[in-house]
Protein backbone atom coordinates (compact mmCIF):
# COMPACT_ATOMS: atom_id res chain seq x y z
CA MET A 1 -67.68 10.04 13.09
CA THR A 2 -69.70 11.70 10.31
CA LYS A 3 -68.75 14.43 7.89
CA GLN A 4 -70.80 16.91 9.95
CA GLU A 5 -68.74 16.40 13.09
CA ARG A 6 -65.56 18.26 13.99
CA ARG A 7 -62.26 17.32 12.45
CA PRO A 8 -60.72 14.29 14.17
CA ARG A 9 -57.57 14.93 16.17
CA ALA A 10 -54.69 12.68 15.13
CA GLY A 11 -51.63 11.45 16.96
CA VAL A 12 -48.67 9.21 16.11
CA ILE A 13 -46.97 6.72 18.41
CA GLY A 14 -43.34 6.32 17.40
CA ALA A 15 -40.99 9.01 16.12
CA GLY A 16 -38.85 6.81 13.88
CA ALA A 17 -38.83 6.63 10.09
CA PHE A 18 -42.42 5.48 9.66
CA GLY A 19 -43.65 7.74 12.44
CA ARG A 20 -42.23 10.71 10.55
CA HIS A 21 -44.07 9.66 7.39
CA HIS A 22 -47.39 9.28 9.18
CA ALA A 23 -46.98 12.55 11.06
CA ARG A 24 -46.39 14.37 7.77
CA LYS A 25 -49.45 12.80 6.14
CA TYR A 26 -51.69 13.86 9.02
CA ALA A 27 -50.20 17.35 9.07
CA GLU A 28 -50.89 17.70 5.34
CA ASP A 29 -54.50 16.44 5.54
CA ALA A 30 -56.91 19.35 6.05
CA ARG A 31 -59.60 16.94 7.26
CA VAL A 32 -57.75 16.22 10.51
CA ILE A 33 -55.90 18.15 13.17
CA PHE A 34 -52.45 16.75 13.84
CA MET A 35 -51.98 16.98 17.60
CA GLY A 36 -48.59 15.41 18.14
CA VAL A 37 -46.33 12.47 18.87
CA TRP A 38 -45.54 10.14 21.71
CA ASP A 39 -42.28 8.20 21.87
CA PRO A 40 -40.32 6.94 24.90
CA ASP A 41 -37.40 8.90 23.42
CA LEU A 42 -38.72 12.33 24.38
CA GLU A 43 -36.00 14.22 22.53
CA ARG A 44 -36.80 12.43 19.27
CA ALA A 45 -40.52 12.98 19.81
CA GLN A 46 -39.95 16.68 20.43
CA MET A 47 -37.94 17.05 17.22
CA LEU A 48 -40.72 15.48 15.16
CA ALA A 49 -43.44 17.46 16.91
CA ASP A 50 -41.56 20.71 16.35
CA THR A 51 -41.38 19.98 12.64
CA HIS A 52 -45.18 20.25 12.46
CA GLY A 53 -45.87 22.72 15.25
CA ALA A 54 -47.39 19.95 17.32
CA GLU A 55 -46.97 18.53 20.82
CA ALA A 56 -44.56 15.90 22.12
CA PHE A 57 -46.74 14.07 24.63
CA ALA A 58 -45.19 12.97 27.90
CA SER A 59 -47.13 9.70 28.01
CA LEU A 60 -49.49 7.50 26.04
CA ASP A 61 -52.34 8.45 28.37
CA ALA A 62 -51.70 12.13 27.69
CA MET A 63 -51.92 11.50 23.95
CA LEU A 64 -55.10 9.44 24.25
CA ALA A 65 -56.74 12.24 26.23
CA GLN A 66 -56.32 14.66 23.31
CA THR A 67 -56.79 12.55 20.18
CA ASP A 68 -59.45 10.65 18.25
CA VAL A 69 -57.31 8.71 15.77
CA ILE A 70 -53.93 7.09 16.33
CA THR A 71 -51.23 5.69 14.09
CA ILE A 72 -48.93 3.18 15.76
CA ALA A 73 -45.46 3.22 14.20
CA SER A 74 -43.50 1.82 17.12
CA PRO A 75 -41.31 -1.30 16.86
CA PRO A 76 -43.49 -4.36 16.08
CA SER A 77 -43.16 -5.87 19.56
CA PHE A 78 -45.04 -2.85 20.95
CA HIS A 79 -47.85 -2.71 18.38
CA ALA A 80 -50.45 -4.63 20.35
CA GLY A 81 -49.45 -3.12 23.69
CA ASN A 82 -49.94 0.39 22.32
CA ALA A 83 -53.02 -0.39 20.23
CA LEU A 84 -55.10 -2.10 22.90
CA PRO A 85 -55.37 0.86 25.31
CA ALA A 86 -56.04 3.16 22.35
CA LEU A 87 -58.94 0.98 21.16
CA GLN A 88 -60.23 0.55 24.72
CA ALA A 89 -60.25 4.35 25.00
CA GLY A 90 -62.43 4.53 21.89
CA LYS A 91 -59.80 5.65 19.40
CA HIS A 92 -59.63 4.66 15.75
CA VAL A 93 -56.30 2.95 15.13
CA LEU A 94 -53.99 2.45 12.15
CA ILE A 95 -51.16 0.02 12.96
CA GLU A 96 -48.07 -0.27 10.80
CA LYS A 97 -47.48 -3.91 9.83
CA PRO A 98 -47.59 -6.38 11.40
CA LEU A 99 -50.86 -6.07 13.30
CA ALA A 100 -49.28 -7.75 16.34
CA THR A 101 -46.60 -10.34 17.05
CA ASP A 102 -48.80 -13.12 18.40
CA LEU A 103 -52.21 -14.37 17.32
CA ALA A 104 -54.02 -13.96 20.64
CA ALA A 105 -53.01 -10.31 20.92
CA GLY A 106 -54.03 -9.63 17.32
CA ALA A 107 -57.40 -11.31 17.82
CA GLU A 108 -58.00 -9.20 20.94
CA LEU A 109 -57.39 -6.02 18.96
CA VAL A 110 -59.94 -7.11 16.35
CA ARG A 111 -62.44 -8.01 19.07
CA VAL A 112 -62.11 -4.71 20.94
CA ALA A 113 -62.32 -2.67 17.73
CA ALA A 114 -65.59 -4.41 16.86
CA GLU A 115 -66.92 -3.99 20.41
CA LYS A 116 -66.09 -0.26 20.43
CA GLN A 117 -67.22 0.16 16.78
CA ARG A 118 -63.91 1.74 15.87
CA VAL A 119 -61.87 1.51 12.67
CA LEU A 120 -58.87 -0.79 12.93
CA ALA A 121 -56.54 -0.68 9.93
CA CYS A 122 -53.09 -2.03 9.11
CA GLY A 123 -50.22 -0.70 7.01
CA HIS A 124 -49.96 -3.35 4.28
CA GLN A 125 -49.84 -0.57 1.69
CA GLU A 126 -48.28 -2.65 -1.08
CA ARG A 127 -51.89 -3.69 -1.66
CA LEU A 128 -52.48 -0.21 -3.09
CA VAL A 129 -49.75 -0.80 -5.68
CA PHE A 130 -51.65 -3.83 -6.97
CA GLU A 131 -54.88 -1.85 -6.88
CA ALA A 132 -53.28 0.90 -8.98
CA MET A 133 -52.04 -1.73 -11.44
CA GLY A 134 -55.49 -3.33 -11.68
CA LEU A 135 -54.14 -6.72 -10.61
CA PHE A 136 -57.00 -7.48 -8.23
CA GLU A 137 -59.54 -7.25 -11.07
CA THR A 138 -58.14 -10.01 -13.28
CA PRO A 139 -60.46 -12.85 -14.38
CA GLU A 140 -57.92 -15.55 -13.43
CA LYS A 141 -56.14 -16.70 -10.29
CA PRO A 142 -52.37 -17.29 -10.34
CA VAL A 143 -51.12 -20.85 -10.64
CA LEU A 144 -47.68 -19.85 -9.32
CA ILE A 145 -46.45 -16.91 -7.22
CA GLU A 146 -42.79 -16.13 -6.58
CA SER A 147 -41.62 -13.16 -4.54
CA VAL A 148 -38.31 -11.77 -3.35
CA ARG A 149 -38.11 -9.02 -0.72
CA GLU A 150 -34.63 -8.46 0.63
CA GLY A 151 -32.05 -5.88 1.58
CA PRO A 152 -28.96 -5.27 3.73
CA TRP A 153 -29.02 -5.26 7.51
CA THR A 154 -30.22 -1.97 9.03
CA GLY A 155 -31.15 -3.05 12.55
CA ARG A 156 -34.72 -1.78 12.06
CA SER A 157 -37.50 -4.10 13.33
CA ALA A 158 -34.83 -6.47 14.65
CA ASP A 159 -37.17 -7.37 17.52
CA VAL A 160 -39.09 -9.67 15.16
CA SER A 161 -38.32 -12.14 12.37
CA VAL A 162 -37.81 -11.04 8.78
CA THR A 163 -41.11 -12.80 8.14
CA LEU A 164 -42.99 -10.29 10.30
CA ASP A 165 -40.75 -7.46 9.13
CA LEU A 166 -40.72 -7.90 5.34
CA MET A 167 -42.47 -11.03 4.10
CA VAL A 168 -45.83 -9.95 5.54
CA HIS A 169 -46.29 -7.60 2.57
CA ASP A 170 -46.10 -10.45 0.07
CA LEU A 171 -48.20 -12.76 2.21
CA ASP A 172 -50.94 -10.13 2.26
CA LEU A 173 -50.75 -9.74 -1.53
CA ALA A 174 -50.94 -13.50 -2.05
CA LEU A 175 -53.91 -13.90 0.29
CA LYS A 176 -55.73 -11.09 -1.53
CA LEU A 177 -54.86 -12.46 -5.00
CA MET A 178 -55.94 -15.99 -4.11
CA GLY A 179 -58.98 -15.15 -2.01
CA ALA A 180 -58.31 -18.32 -0.03
CA ARG A 181 -56.41 -19.58 2.99
CA ALA A 182 -53.15 -21.44 2.66
CA ASP A 183 -53.34 -25.20 3.15
CA ARG A 184 -49.61 -26.08 3.11
CA VAL A 185 -46.66 -24.26 4.69
CA GLU A 186 -42.99 -25.25 4.59
CA ALA A 187 -40.01 -23.02 5.36
CA THR A 188 -36.27 -22.94 5.87
CA ALA A 189 -34.47 -20.07 7.58
CA ARG A 190 -31.31 -18.86 9.24
CA ALA A 191 -30.65 -16.33 11.98
CA GLU A 192 -27.56 -14.15 12.09
CA HIS A 193 -28.29 -11.26 14.47
CA GLY A 194 -30.57 -12.90 16.99
CA LYS A 195 -32.83 -15.89 17.56
CA ALA A 196 -35.40 -15.02 14.88
CA ALA A 197 -34.93 -15.53 11.15
CA ASP A 198 -32.98 -12.89 9.25
CA GLU A 199 -33.35 -14.84 6.01
CA ILE A 200 -36.17 -17.22 5.12
CA GLU A 201 -37.73 -19.07 2.22
CA ALA A 202 -41.34 -20.22 2.48
CA ARG A 203 -43.20 -22.61 0.20
CA ILE A 204 -46.93 -22.16 0.62
CA GLY A 205 -49.79 -23.98 -1.07
CA PHE A 206 -53.17 -22.51 -1.94
CA GLY A 207 -54.90 -25.59 -3.33
CA ALA A 208 -53.22 -26.30 -6.67
CA THR A 209 -51.32 -23.00 -6.58
CA GLN A 210 -47.77 -22.95 -5.26
CA ALA A 211 -46.22 -19.80 -3.82
CA VAL A 212 -42.55 -19.32 -3.00
CA PHE A 213 -41.53 -16.36 -0.86
CA ARG A 214 -37.93 -15.34 -0.13
CA SER A 215 -37.13 -12.58 2.34
CA SER A 216 -33.82 -11.40 3.76
CA ARG A 217 -32.54 -8.44 5.74
CA ILE A 218 -28.92 -9.58 5.47
CA ALA A 219 -28.64 -9.51 1.67
CA ASP A 220 -26.03 -7.55 -0.26
CA ASP A 221 -28.56 -5.51 -2.24
CA ARG A 222 -32.20 -4.45 -2.13
CA ARG A 223 -34.67 -6.42 -4.24
CA ARG A 224 -38.46 -6.22 -4.22
CA THR A 225 -40.00 -8.37 -6.93
CA MET A 226 -42.99 -10.62 -7.53
CA ARG A 227 -43.83 -12.95 -10.40
CA ALA A 228 -47.41 -14.16 -10.78
CA VAL A 229 -47.99 -16.87 -13.39
CA TYR A 230 -51.53 -17.25 -14.77
CA PRO A 231 -53.00 -19.77 -17.21
CA SER A 232 -52.80 -17.09 -19.93
CA GLY A 233 -49.36 -15.62 -19.16
CA GLU A 234 -47.43 -13.96 -16.38
CA VAL A 235 -46.87 -10.63 -14.67
CA LYS A 236 -43.43 -9.68 -13.32
CA ILE A 237 -43.38 -6.72 -10.92
CA ASP A 238 -40.38 -4.72 -9.74
CA PHE A 239 -41.54 -2.75 -6.69
CA LEU A 240 -38.34 -0.69 -6.54
CA ALA A 241 -38.33 0.35 -10.20
CA ARG A 242 -42.15 0.61 -10.04
CA THR A 243 -42.53 -1.23 -13.33
CA PHE A 244 -43.96 -4.52 -14.54
CA GLU A 245 -43.88 -6.88 -17.52
CA ASN A 246 -47.18 -8.41 -18.62
CA THR A 247 -47.63 -11.28 -21.10
CA THR A 248 -51.29 -11.85 -20.21
CA SER A 249 -54.24 -10.13 -21.88
CA PHE A 250 -55.14 -8.35 -18.63
CA PRO A 251 -55.55 -4.59 -19.22
CA LEU A 252 -53.14 -3.56 -16.46
CA ASN A 253 -52.20 0.09 -15.96
CA ALA A 254 -48.58 0.58 -17.07
CA ALA A 255 -48.68 4.12 -15.67
CA PHE A 256 -49.75 2.93 -12.21
CA ALA A 257 -46.78 4.67 -10.55
CA GLU A 258 -48.12 8.01 -11.78
CA THR A 259 -51.54 7.57 -10.16
CA ARG A 260 -52.31 9.09 -6.78
CA ILE A 261 -52.25 5.81 -4.90
CA GLY A 262 -49.42 4.32 -6.95
CA ALA A 263 -47.18 7.34 -6.40
CA ASP A 264 -47.69 7.43 -2.63
CA PRO A 265 -49.13 4.17 -1.22
CA LEU A 266 -48.44 5.11 2.39
CA GLY A 267 -50.16 8.47 1.99
CA ALA A 268 -53.08 6.83 0.21
CA ASN A 269 -53.38 4.28 3.01
CA VAL A 270 -53.52 7.02 5.65
CA ALA A 271 -56.06 8.95 3.58
CA ALA A 272 -58.24 5.84 3.20
CA PHE A 273 -58.05 5.30 6.97
CA VAL A 274 -59.28 8.84 7.51
CA ASP A 275 -62.03 8.23 4.93
CA ALA A 276 -63.22 5.24 6.96
CA VAL A 277 -63.07 7.23 10.21
CA LEU A 278 -65.13 10.04 8.65
CA GLY A 279 -67.65 7.57 7.28
CA VAL A 280 -67.08 8.47 3.62
CA ALA A 281 -65.65 4.99 2.90
CA PRO A 282 -67.03 1.68 4.19
CA ARG A 283 -63.63 0.32 5.27
CA PRO A 284 -59.88 1.02 5.32
CA VAL A 285 -57.53 -0.52 2.73
CA VAL A 286 -56.62 -3.42 5.01
CA THR A 287 -58.95 -4.28 7.87
CA GLY A 288 -57.96 -5.69 11.22
CA GLU A 289 -59.47 -9.05 10.27
CA GLU A 290 -57.39 -9.19 7.07
CA ALA A 291 -54.23 -8.20 8.93
CA LEU A 292 -54.95 -10.94 11.46
CA ALA A 293 -55.08 -13.50 8.63
CA VAL A 294 -51.68 -12.26 7.39
CA LEU A 295 -50.27 -12.53 10.91
CA GLU A 296 -51.57 -16.09 11.25
CA LEU A 297 -49.85 -17.13 8.03
CA ALA A 298 -46.60 -15.34 8.93
CA LEU A 299 -46.46 -17.07 12.30
CA ALA A 300 -47.10 -20.40 10.57
CA VAL A 301 -44.13 -19.72 8.27
CA ASP A 302 -41.86 -19.02 11.24
CA ALA A 303 -43.12 -22.13 13.04
CA ALA A 304 -42.44 -24.24 9.95
CA SER A 305 -38.87 -22.89 9.83
CA GLY A 306 -38.21 -23.95 13.41
CA LEU A 307 -37.15 -20.45 14.44
CA PRO A 308 -39.09 -18.10 16.74
CA SER A 309 -40.92 -14.98 15.54
CA HIS A 310 -39.23 -12.83 18.19
CA SER A 311 -35.50 -12.23 18.69
């Protein structure tokens, strides 16, 4: 779709918390027409649609008939099942993380998107926080990465492991920072509310670099931190406080939270997706291929823990 063509018509699948965010971003973007929402809970879909003067579609097919771009913000187990018919119908698709819940389904999404020449993007928007900081432009690679991403039980995304729910953000950041595939994966985990892990620690090797990831959705408090140690110093990031400490010589942006993308990563991710759809950007923030690599690593973590990825 070029800049000369009509404004793309946007729809959102899923009327939960993330669906509401995506609906608002589309409604606020003058480059698109927000058409409406589809959710199996028709009452919830109607409430969200009414907020933006849009339509609550009665079915996925009805939505696909009236839209050009789709955000999928349904529970993770339904991501691939909703995305595949959308891509097959020639729609551009932004999927909230994770891309899918099994590798074959994720690979099929990437294949169909390429076949149909449609944009396939994923919602690993923490990557925009690092972009705003300038952390992807450093002249060194980390020699150690430690991350903690945890919070109390909410019941959200309980259909999948905490690895696919929370840890995927940090796995994406590590893959981007390292620019290489993992070559060692070990993990220990425990399940409290189902079969899949609710708390997990992964130890992942990228050559000589060791990375330790801890994620929990049954913790007492919320924590979102990452520590990246470099040969010349270290960077400690607090994603909740939106601050960092830097002992390296890297010229990182201490005011990153005040930038457009740092202040609203989700909104910036949606805007970048629209840019790619309109042809004014060569790609979205996170491509389908990159999201597939994150999914592969997340599934390897769950496999190493001995617990399934689905509850």
